[in-house]
Protein backbone atom coordinates (compact mmCIF):
# COMPACT_ATOMS: atom_id res chain seq x y z
CA UNK A 1 -29.43 -3.25 -6.20
CA UNK A 2 -28.47 -6.70 -7.25
CA UNK A 3 -29.74 -9.43 -5.22
CA UNK A 4 -27.07 -10.32 -2.34
CA UNK A 5 -25.17 -13.51 -2.13
CA UNK A 6 -25.98 -15.29 1.08
CA UNK A 7 -22.34 -15.57 1.92
CA UNK A 8 -22.05 -13.10 5.28
CA UNK A 9 -18.21 -12.31 5.08
CA UNK A 10 -16.73 -10.93 8.16
CA UNK A 11 -13.46 -8.25 7.02
CA UNK A 12 -10.92 -7.41 10.00
CA UNK A 13 -8.23 -4.50 8.77
CA UNK A 14 -5.78 -3.31 11.61
CA UNK A 15 -6.38 -0.09 9.15
CA UNK A 16 -8.61 2.12 10.13
CA UNK A 17 -10.84 3.64 7.54
CA UNK A 18 -10.56 7.43 8.23
CA UNK A 19 -6.44 6.67 7.19
CA UNK A 20 -5.69 7.36 3.51
CA UNK A 21 -4.88 3.57 3.33
CA UNK A 22 -7.94 1.95 5.01
CA UNK A 23 -10.23 4.39 3.14
CA UNK A 24 -8.57 3.69 -0.75
CA UNK A 25 -7.55 -0.29 0.20
CA UNK A 26 -10.09 -1.71 2.28
CA UNK A 27 -13.34 1.07 2.01
CA UNK A 28 -13.34 1.45 -1.30
CA UNK A 29 -13.39 -2.57 -2.53
CA UNK A 30 -15.67 -3.04 0.19
CA UNK A 31 -18.10 -0.47 -0.79
CA UNK A 32 -18.28 -2.62 -4.41
CA UNK A 33 -18.47 -5.98 -3.06
CA UNK A 34 -21.42 -5.03 -0.60
CA UNK A 35 -23.76 -5.00 -3.70
CA UNK A 36 -23.21 -8.66 -3.74
CA UNK A 37 -22.14 -9.99 -0.39
CA UNK A 38 -22.92 -9.28 3.28
CA UNK A 39 -20.14 -7.46 5.10
CA UNK A 40 -19.37 -7.21 8.33
CA UNK A 41 -16.41 -4.62 8.61
CA UNK A 42 -14.26 -4.41 11.75
CA UNK A 43 -11.64 -1.67 11.68
CA UNK A 44 -9.09 -0.77 13.97
CA UNK A 45 -9.05 3.66 13.97
CA UNK A 46 -6.60 5.88 15.81
CA UNK A 47 -8.11 7.89 18.63
CA UNK A 48 -7.22 11.27 16.72
CA UNK A 49 -9.17 10.25 13.87
CA UNK A 50 -12.50 9.13 15.88
CA UNK A 51 -12.12 12.59 17.60
CA UNK A 52 -12.76 14.40 14.23
CA UNK A 53 -16.27 14.34 13.80
CA UNK A 54 -16.93 15.06 10.62
CA UNK A 55 -14.65 12.23 9.31
CA UNK A 56 -16.33 9.90 11.32
CA UNK A 57 -19.56 10.72 10.23
CA UNK A 58 -18.55 10.83 6.18
CA UNK A 59 -16.97 7.35 7.11
CA UNK A 60 -20.15 6.12 8.87
CA UNK A 61 -22.70 7.45 6.22
CA UNK A 62 -20.88 5.97 3.27
CA UNK A 63 -20.31 2.56 4.97
CA UNK A 64 -24.58 2.69 5.86
CA UNK A 65 -24.82 3.54 2.30
CA UNK A 66 -23.14 0.69 1.14
CA UNK A 67 -25.44 -1.58 3.26
CA UNK A 68 -21.83 -2.62 5.18
CA UNK A 69 -22.21 -2.95 9.05
CA UNK A 70 -19.17 -1.22 10.61
CA UNK A 71 -17.72 -1.98 13.90
CA UNK A 72 -14.84 -0.14 14.90
CA UNK A 73 -12.34 -0.11 18.33
CA UNK A 74 -10.28 2.20 18.80
CA UNK A 75 -6.15 0.90 18.72
CA UNK A 76 -3.97 2.66 20.84
CA UNK A 77 -0.73 3.46 19.53
CA UNK A 78 1.42 4.54 22.76
CA UNK A 79 4.36 2.03 23.73
CA UNK A 80 3.32 1.29 27.26
CA UNK A 81 2.13 -2.50 28.31
CA UNK A 82 -1.41 -1.49 28.89
CA UNK A 83 -2.02 0.02 25.68
CA UNK A 84 -0.42 -3.42 23.68
CA UNK A 85 -2.42 -5.57 25.76
CA UNK A 86 -5.69 -3.77 25.20
CA UNK A 87 -5.20 -3.64 21.56
CA UNK A 88 -4.26 -6.97 21.37
CA UNK A 89 -7.40 -8.40 23.67
CA UNK A 90 -9.15 -6.32 20.62
CA UNK A 91 -7.78 -8.27 17.79
CA UNK A 92 -8.09 -11.58 19.79
CA UNK A 93 -11.68 -11.48 21.31
CA UNK A 94 -13.86 -8.86 19.33
CA UNK A 95 -13.81 -10.62 16.30
CA UNK A 96 -15.21 -13.74 18.71
CA UNK A 97 -18.07 -11.51 20.34
CA UNK A 98 -19.04 -11.15 16.81
CA UNK A 99 -18.58 -14.54 15.32
CA UNK A 100 -21.26 -15.81 18.20
CA UNK A 101 -23.74 -13.30 17.16
CA UNK A 102 -23.37 -13.36 13.17
CA UNK A 103 -23.18 -16.47 11.10
CA UNK A 104 -19.93 -16.14 9.51
CA UNK A 105 -19.32 -17.41 5.98
CA UNK A 106 -15.56 -15.98 5.40
CA UNK A 107 -13.52 -14.60 7.43
CA UNK A 108 -11.38 -12.10 5.48
CA UNK A 109 -8.23 -10.17 7.37
CA UNK A 110 -5.92 -7.94 6.06
CA UNK A 111 -2.36 -8.41 7.03
CA UNK A 112 -1.01 -10.74 10.37
CA UNK A 113 -2.60 -8.52 12.89
CA UNK A 114 -5.87 -9.74 12.85
CA UNK A 115 -4.38 -13.52 12.63
CA UNK A 116 -4.53 -13.46 16.67
CA UNK A 117 -7.91 -14.36 16.60
CA UNK A 118 -8.07 -17.22 13.96
CA UNK A 119 -7.05 -19.65 16.04
CA UNK A 120 -9.09 -19.16 18.50
CA UNK A 121 -12.18 -18.92 16.36
CA UNK A 122 -11.74 -21.81 14.50
CA UNK A 123 -12.25 -24.10 17.46
CA UNK A 124 -15.77 -22.45 17.97
CA UNK A 125 -16.77 -21.91 14.39
CA UNK A 126 -16.21 -23.46 10.99
CA UNK A 127 -15.71 -20.62 8.41
CA UNK A 128 -13.47 -20.26 5.21
CA UNK A 129 -10.81 -18.02 5.76
CA UNK A 130 -8.35 -15.59 3.42
CA UNK A 131 -5.38 -14.26 4.26
CA UNK A 132 -4.43 -11.03 2.60
CA UNK A 133 -1.25 -10.64 3.63
CA UNK A 134 0.05 -7.46 2.39
CA UNK A 135 3.28 -8.41 3.02
CA UNK A 136 5.70 -10.56 5.18
CA UNK A 137 4.81 -8.55 8.47
CA UNK A 138 7.31 -9.69 10.87
CA UNK A 139 10.07 -9.76 8.45
CA UNK A 140 9.30 -6.15 7.47
CA UNK A 141 9.28 -5.17 11.01
CA UNK A 142 13.06 -7.18 10.98
CA UNK A 143 13.74 -4.89 8.01
CA UNK A 144 12.54 -1.86 8.74
CA UNK A 145 12.46 -1.31 12.24
CA UNK A 146 15.32 -3.50 13.65
CA UNK A 147 12.89 -6.17 15.98
CA UNK A 148 15.41 -9.09 16.19
CA UNK A 149 15.09 -12.18 14.76
CA UNK A 150 15.94 -13.97 17.75
CA UNK A 151 13.08 -11.64 19.98
CA UNK A 152 9.84 -13.46 21.48
CA UNK A 153 7.53 -11.17 18.86
CA UNK A 154 9.45 -12.06 15.44
CA UNK A 155 9.36 -15.93 16.57
CA UNK A 156 5.78 -15.91 17.60
CA UNK A 157 4.66 -13.84 14.73
CA UNK A 158 6.38 -15.86 12.37
CA UNK A 159 4.87 -19.16 14.19
CA UNK A 160 1.61 -17.54 13.54
CA UNK A 161 2.49 -16.84 9.75
CA UNK A 162 2.96 -20.76 8.96
CA UNK A 163 -0.24 -21.48 10.76
CA UNK A 164 -2.30 -18.77 9.05
CA UNK A 165 -0.62 -20.01 5.34
CA UNK A 166 -1.75 -23.32 6.65
CA UNK A 167 -5.17 -22.81 7.26
CA UNK A 168 -6.04 -20.21 4.68
CA UNK A 169 -8.45 -21.19 1.80
CA UNK A 170 -7.21 -18.08 -0.19
CA UNK A 171 -4.42 -16.23 0.08
CA UNK A 172 -3.89 -13.14 -1.95
CA UNK A 173 -0.74 -10.84 -2.31
CA UNK A 174 0.72 -7.98 -3.81
CA UNK A 175 3.15 -9.90 -6.50
CA UNK A 176 3.88 -12.43 -8.05
CA UNK A 177 7.21 -12.84 -6.24
CA UNK A 178 5.55 -13.09 -3.04
CA UNK A 179 3.01 -16.03 -4.76
CA UNK A 180 6.25 -17.99 -5.74
CA UNK A 181 7.56 -17.69 -2.39
CA UNK A 182 4.69 -18.83 -0.94
CA UNK A 183 4.06 -21.26 -2.90
CA UNK A 184 7.43 -23.30 -2.68
CA UNK A 185 8.20 -22.52 1.46
CA UNK A 186 4.90 -23.55 2.63
CA UNK A 187 3.70 -26.34 -0.54
CA UNK A 188 0.60 -24.51 -1.29
CA UNK A 189 -1.67 -24.84 -3.61
CA UNK A 190 -0.63 -22.41 -6.31
CA UNK A 191 -5.13 -22.47 -7.13
CA UNK A 192 -4.96 -20.92 -3.87
CA UNK A 193 -3.09 -17.86 -4.06
CA UNK A 194 -3.63 -14.89 -5.90
CA UNK A 195 -2.02 -11.57 -6.87
CA UNK A 196 -4.19 -8.33 -6.61
CA UNK A 197 -2.36 -5.04 -6.70
CA UNK A 198 -3.17 -1.93 -4.88
CA UNK A 199 -6.21 -0.18 -6.42
CA UNK A 200 -6.50 2.88 -8.03
CA UNK A 201 -9.64 4.80 -7.61
CA UNK A 202 -9.75 6.24 -11.43
CA UNK A 203 -12.62 8.55 -10.45
CA UNK A 204 -9.80 10.41 -7.80
CA UNK A 205 -6.70 9.84 -10.66
CA UNK A 206 -6.64 10.81 -13.73
CA UNK A 207 -3.78 12.38 -16.07
CA UNK A 208 -3.80 16.12 -16.21
CA UNK A 209 -4.68 17.39 -20.38
CA UNK A 210 -2.96 20.43 -19.59
CA UNK A 211 1.05 20.93 -21.44
CA UNK A 212 3.59 21.02 -19.10
CA UNK A 213 6.77 23.37 -18.97
CA UNK A 214 9.58 21.35 -21.37
CA UNK A 215 12.43 23.38 -19.68
CA UNK A 216 11.79 22.82 -16.13
CA UNK A 217 12.04 19.46 -14.49
CA UNK A 218 9.78 18.64 -11.62
CA UNK A 219 10.77 15.50 -9.53
CA UNK A 220 8.03 13.86 -6.69
CA UNK A 221 8.74 12.25 -3.82
CA UNK A 222 5.75 10.95 -2.25
CA UNK A 223 6.21 9.04 1.42
CA UNK A 224 8.00 8.91 4.47
CA UNK A 225 11.26 9.86 4.03
CA UNK A 226 12.65 6.39 6.49
CA UNK A 227 11.90 2.67 7.51
CA UNK A 228 11.42 1.28 3.87
CA UNK A 229 13.01 4.22 1.88
CA UNK A 230 16.40 5.15 1.52
CA UNK A 231 15.99 9.09 1.01
CA UNK A 232 19.64 9.22 0.68
CA UNK A 233 20.00 7.84 -2.26
CA UNK A 234 17.45 9.91 -3.37
CA UNK A 235 19.30 13.06 -2.60
CA UNK A 236 22.39 11.64 -4.18
CA UNK A 237 20.28 11.31 -7.45
CA UNK A 238 19.09 14.77 -7.08
CA UNK A 239 22.76 15.99 -7.04
CA UNK A 240 23.43 14.45 -9.98
CA UNK A 241 20.49 15.16 -11.76
CA UNK A 242 21.21 18.91 -10.98
CA UNK A 243 24.85 18.75 -12.73
CA UNK A 244 23.05 18.36 -16.33
CA UNK A 245 20.05 20.24 -15.57
CA UNK A 246 20.14 23.53 -13.63
CA UNK A 247 16.00 23.96 -14.09
CA UNK A 248 15.11 21.15 -11.67
CA UNK A 249 12.31 21.54 -9.06
CA UNK A 250 12.01 18.56 -6.20
CA UNK A 251 8.86 18.84 -4.19
CA UNK A 252 8.45 16.24 -1.58
CA UNK A 253 4.92 14.78 -0.39
CA UNK A 254 5.48 13.42 3.35
CA UNK A 255 4.94 13.93 6.60
CA UNK A 256 8.26 15.08 7.47
CA UNK A 257 8.98 18.42 8.70
CA UNK A 258 11.59 20.72 7.44
CA UNK A 259 13.36 20.34 10.60
CA UNK A 260 13.56 16.14 9.75
CA UNK A 261 14.21 16.91 6.07
CA UNK A 262 17.41 19.71 6.45
CA UNK A 263 20.10 17.55 7.92
CA UNK A 264 19.54 15.38 4.49
CA UNK A 265 20.07 18.36 2.92
CA UNK A 266 23.34 19.53 4.61
CA UNK A 267 24.49 15.99 4.50
CA UNK A 268 24.47 16.15 0.68
CA UNK A 269 25.12 19.93 0.17
CA UNK A 270 22.11 20.19 -2.01
CA UNK A 271 20.40 23.18 -0.03
CA UNK A 272 20.57 25.41 -3.11
CA UNK A 273 18.32 23.02 -4.91
CA UNK A 274 14.62 24.44 -5.33
CA UNK A 275 13.09 21.89 -2.70
CA UNK A 276 9.82 21.96 -1.22
CA UNK A 277 8.13 19.68 1.32
CA UNK A 278 4.31 19.65 1.81
CA UNK A 279 1.68 17.24 3.76
CA UNK A 280 -1.38 16.75 1.70
CA UNK A 281 -5.09 15.52 2.57
CA UNK A 282 -5.67 12.56 -0.04
CA UNK A 283 -8.26 14.50 -1.85
CA UNK A 284 -5.33 16.89 -2.61
CA UNK A 285 -2.93 14.07 -4.31
CA UNK A 286 -4.00 13.94 -7.81
CA UNK A 287 -3.34 17.78 -8.36
CA UNK A 288 0.02 17.88 -7.12
CA UNK A 289 1.21 14.40 -8.80
CA UNK A 290 -0.15 15.78 -12.25
CA UNK A 291 2.53 18.59 -11.55
CA UNK A 292 5.80 15.79 -11.46
CA UNK A 293 7.22 15.02 -14.52
CA UNK A 294 8.98 11.84 -12.75
CA UNK A 295 8.19 10.21 -9.21
CA UNK A 296 11.24 8.79 -7.59
CA UNK A 297 12.27 6.90 -4.88
CA UNK A 298 14.53 3.68 -3.49
CA UNK A 299 13.38 1.57 -1.58
CA UNK A 300 15.49 -0.73 0.71
CA UNK A 301 16.30 -3.78 -0.92
CA UNK A 302 16.30 -7.11 2.05
CA UNK A 303 13.87 -9.98 1.82
CA UNK A 304 10.38 -8.70 2.75
CA UNK A 305 10.45 -6.04 -0.05
CA UNK A 306 9.65 -9.34 -2.04
CA UNK A 307 5.99 -8.84 -1.31
CA UNK A 308 6.13 -5.27 -1.66
CA UNK A 309 4.19 -3.26 -4.41
CA UNK A 310 3.44 0.18 -2.80
CA UNK A 311 0.42 2.14 -3.33
CA UNK A 312 1.54 5.48 -5.18
CA UNK A 313 3.30 3.49 -7.92
CA UNK A 314 -0.67 2.36 -9.57
CA UNK A 315 -1.69 6.45 -8.16
CA UNK A 316 1.21 8.12 -10.35
CA UNK A 317 0.80 6.00 -13.20
CA UNK A 318 -2.96 6.57 -13.27
CA UNK A 319 -1.95 10.32 -13.37
CA UNK A 320 -0.10 9.57 -16.40
CA UNK A 321 3.63 10.12 -14.41
CA UNK A 322 6.08 7.80 -15.03
CA UNK A 323 8.25 6.12 -12.00
CA UNK A 324 11.98 6.06 -11.49
CA UNK A 325 13.45 3.67 -8.57
CA UNK A 326 15.61 1.20 -8.19
CA UNK A 327 15.14 -2.77 -9.03
CA UNK A 328 13.59 -3.64 -5.67
CA UNK A 329 11.58 -6.65 -6.45
CA UNK A 330 11.20 -8.73 -9.56
CA UNK A 331 7.52 -7.34 -9.92
CA UNK A 332 8.70 -4.13 -10.40
CA UNK A 333 11.25 -4.49 -12.25
CA UNK A 334 8.76 -6.98 -14.98
CA UNK A 335 6.37 -3.83 -15.07
CA UNK A 336 9.27 -0.53 -15.50
CA UNK A 337 11.08 -2.25 -18.00
CA UNK A 338 7.86 -4.10 -19.78
CA UNK A 339 5.83 -1.58 -20.35
CA UNK A 340 8.39 1.00 -20.57
CA UNK A 341 6.40 3.30 -17.97
CA UNK A 342 9.55 4.57 -16.32
CA UNK A 343 13.16 3.66 -15.41
CA UNK A 344 15.04 1.00 -13.15
CA UNK A 345 17.71 2.97 -11.35
CA UNK A 346 20.74 1.63 -10.00
CA UNK A 347 21.39 4.16 -7.19
CA UNK A 348 25.13 2.56 -6.60
CA UNK A 349 26.11 4.17 -9.51
CA UNK A 350 26.92 7.53 -10.22
CA UNK A 351 24.56 8.68 -12.77
CA UNK A 352 26.12 9.91 -16.33
CA UNK A 353 24.92 12.43 -18.92
CA UNK A 354 24.31 9.96 -21.28
CA UNK A 355 21.57 8.13 -18.82
CA UNK A 356 20.34 11.22 -17.76
CA UNK A 357 19.56 12.43 -21.70
CA UNK A 358 17.96 9.32 -22.18
CA UNK A 359 15.72 9.37 -18.91
CA UNK A 360 14.88 13.25 -19.84
CA UNK A 361 14.30 11.82 -23.30
CA UNK A 362 11.86 9.20 -22.15
CA UNK A 363 9.62 11.26 -19.31
CA UNK A 364 9.52 14.69 -21.41
CA UNK A 365 8.26 12.12 -24.73
CA UNK A 366 4.58 13.20 -25.87
CA UNK A 367 2.98 9.66 -25.17
CA UNK A 368 4.26 8.99 -22.08
CA UNK A 369 1.10 10.08 -20.45
CA UNK A 370 -1.05 7.78 -22.12
CA UNK A 371 1.03 4.95 -21.89
CA UNK A 372 1.19 5.34 -17.85
CA UNK A 373 -2.44 5.97 -17.39
CA UNK A 374 -3.53 3.12 -19.58
CA UNK A 375 -1.25 0.71 -17.77
CA UNK A 376 -2.08 1.53 -14.21
CA UNK A 377 -6.23 0.93 -15.63
CA UNK A 378 -4.85 -2.60 -16.95
CA UNK A 379 -2.77 -3.32 -13.71
CA UNK A 380 -4.14 -1.11 -10.52
CA UNK A 381 -7.94 -0.81 -11.61
CA UNK A 382 -9.93 -1.26 -8.34
CA UNK A 383 -13.13 -2.67 -10.86
CA UNK A 384 -10.63 -5.46 -11.59
CA UNK A 385 -9.70 -5.58 -8.17
CA UNK A 386 -13.16 -6.23 -6.74
CA UNK A 387 -14.11 -8.91 -9.28
CA UNK A 388 -10.66 -10.65 -8.43
CA UNK A 389 -12.23 -10.52 -4.67
CA UNK A 390 -15.90 -11.16 -5.90
CA UNK A 391 -14.41 -14.44 -7.59
CA UNK A 392 -12.54 -15.48 -4.63
CA UNK A 393 -15.48 -14.80 -2.14
CA UNK A 394 -17.65 -17.28 -4.58
CA UNK A 395 -14.97 -20.16 -5.11
CA UNK A 396 -14.40 -20.41 -1.52
């Protein structure tokens, strides 16, 4: 065990550690950082996860083994006002209690909701502050869930955003596009803004050594079919591909049920295509992804997407599987076009036979798997991400 830095870090995550995102994008980083820093971790866990004693014990053991002091609060999902107020008070007051009990040098928040406490604890304590934005949260709510820009909640969180950007000693974002926007919009020193992609644990995600069927074409889809995604555009692409390749199979890895998906299939008249759907545990994802020839999706293009880099991109590439998607921001276009790890596709245009043949040639090429996995290790590495956070912690 290395000697720890004397800095004690309070990390606040709105994502539960027992959720796949909290596990892969919070706990895995902190397990590594805890080798060098004293970590106090607050997470907000869903009630159904807390009821899973086996899962709870597993996370508790991992935190204990890493030397992480894990403090969790129940996050209430229902829409009743009292539940929402309870969530808000937990975000606001629980960190204050912990700050009073511990000598905290750095407060590191993930996304906007934990930012509710920053103005309050700044009144009573001196600390360095890291704003890990993940995305432009209020604008995501507008773009994906229909929040009105005239609403009180939207205006409130936009004002909080201004405060957090100005207060932050370091800002972490997923994309270079967001970095440039923050620098310009908030007149922030570029040296205080860092791009750290979503991370991939290469012990979990790696390519298959087995040869694939060169005749059959397996197209994968991973994640939600609504909110940020245009599932209609994805299915329109599938319908076009079927014109040129009869042996096509679509595998949807999603929480959406068959009842949710069926109306889309009827709408696009593609019930005859072999389309399966299932929801998998995180430890089952790799074995499903490596069976794809291609991971495809279409993100809705809007302002907030400027800051997005979905976790599945790094995970798919780590498995040696190329990506087909729209040019939803500058970062993804640069990644795919410059590195040759997939295809940028204009979903507004019909797929021609010439374009399809070129796509098929690329995704079935012998070197595509290594090209994708090598790039993922360069751009989405858990180790390099951990090192970047370590440098930030040491530098502020």
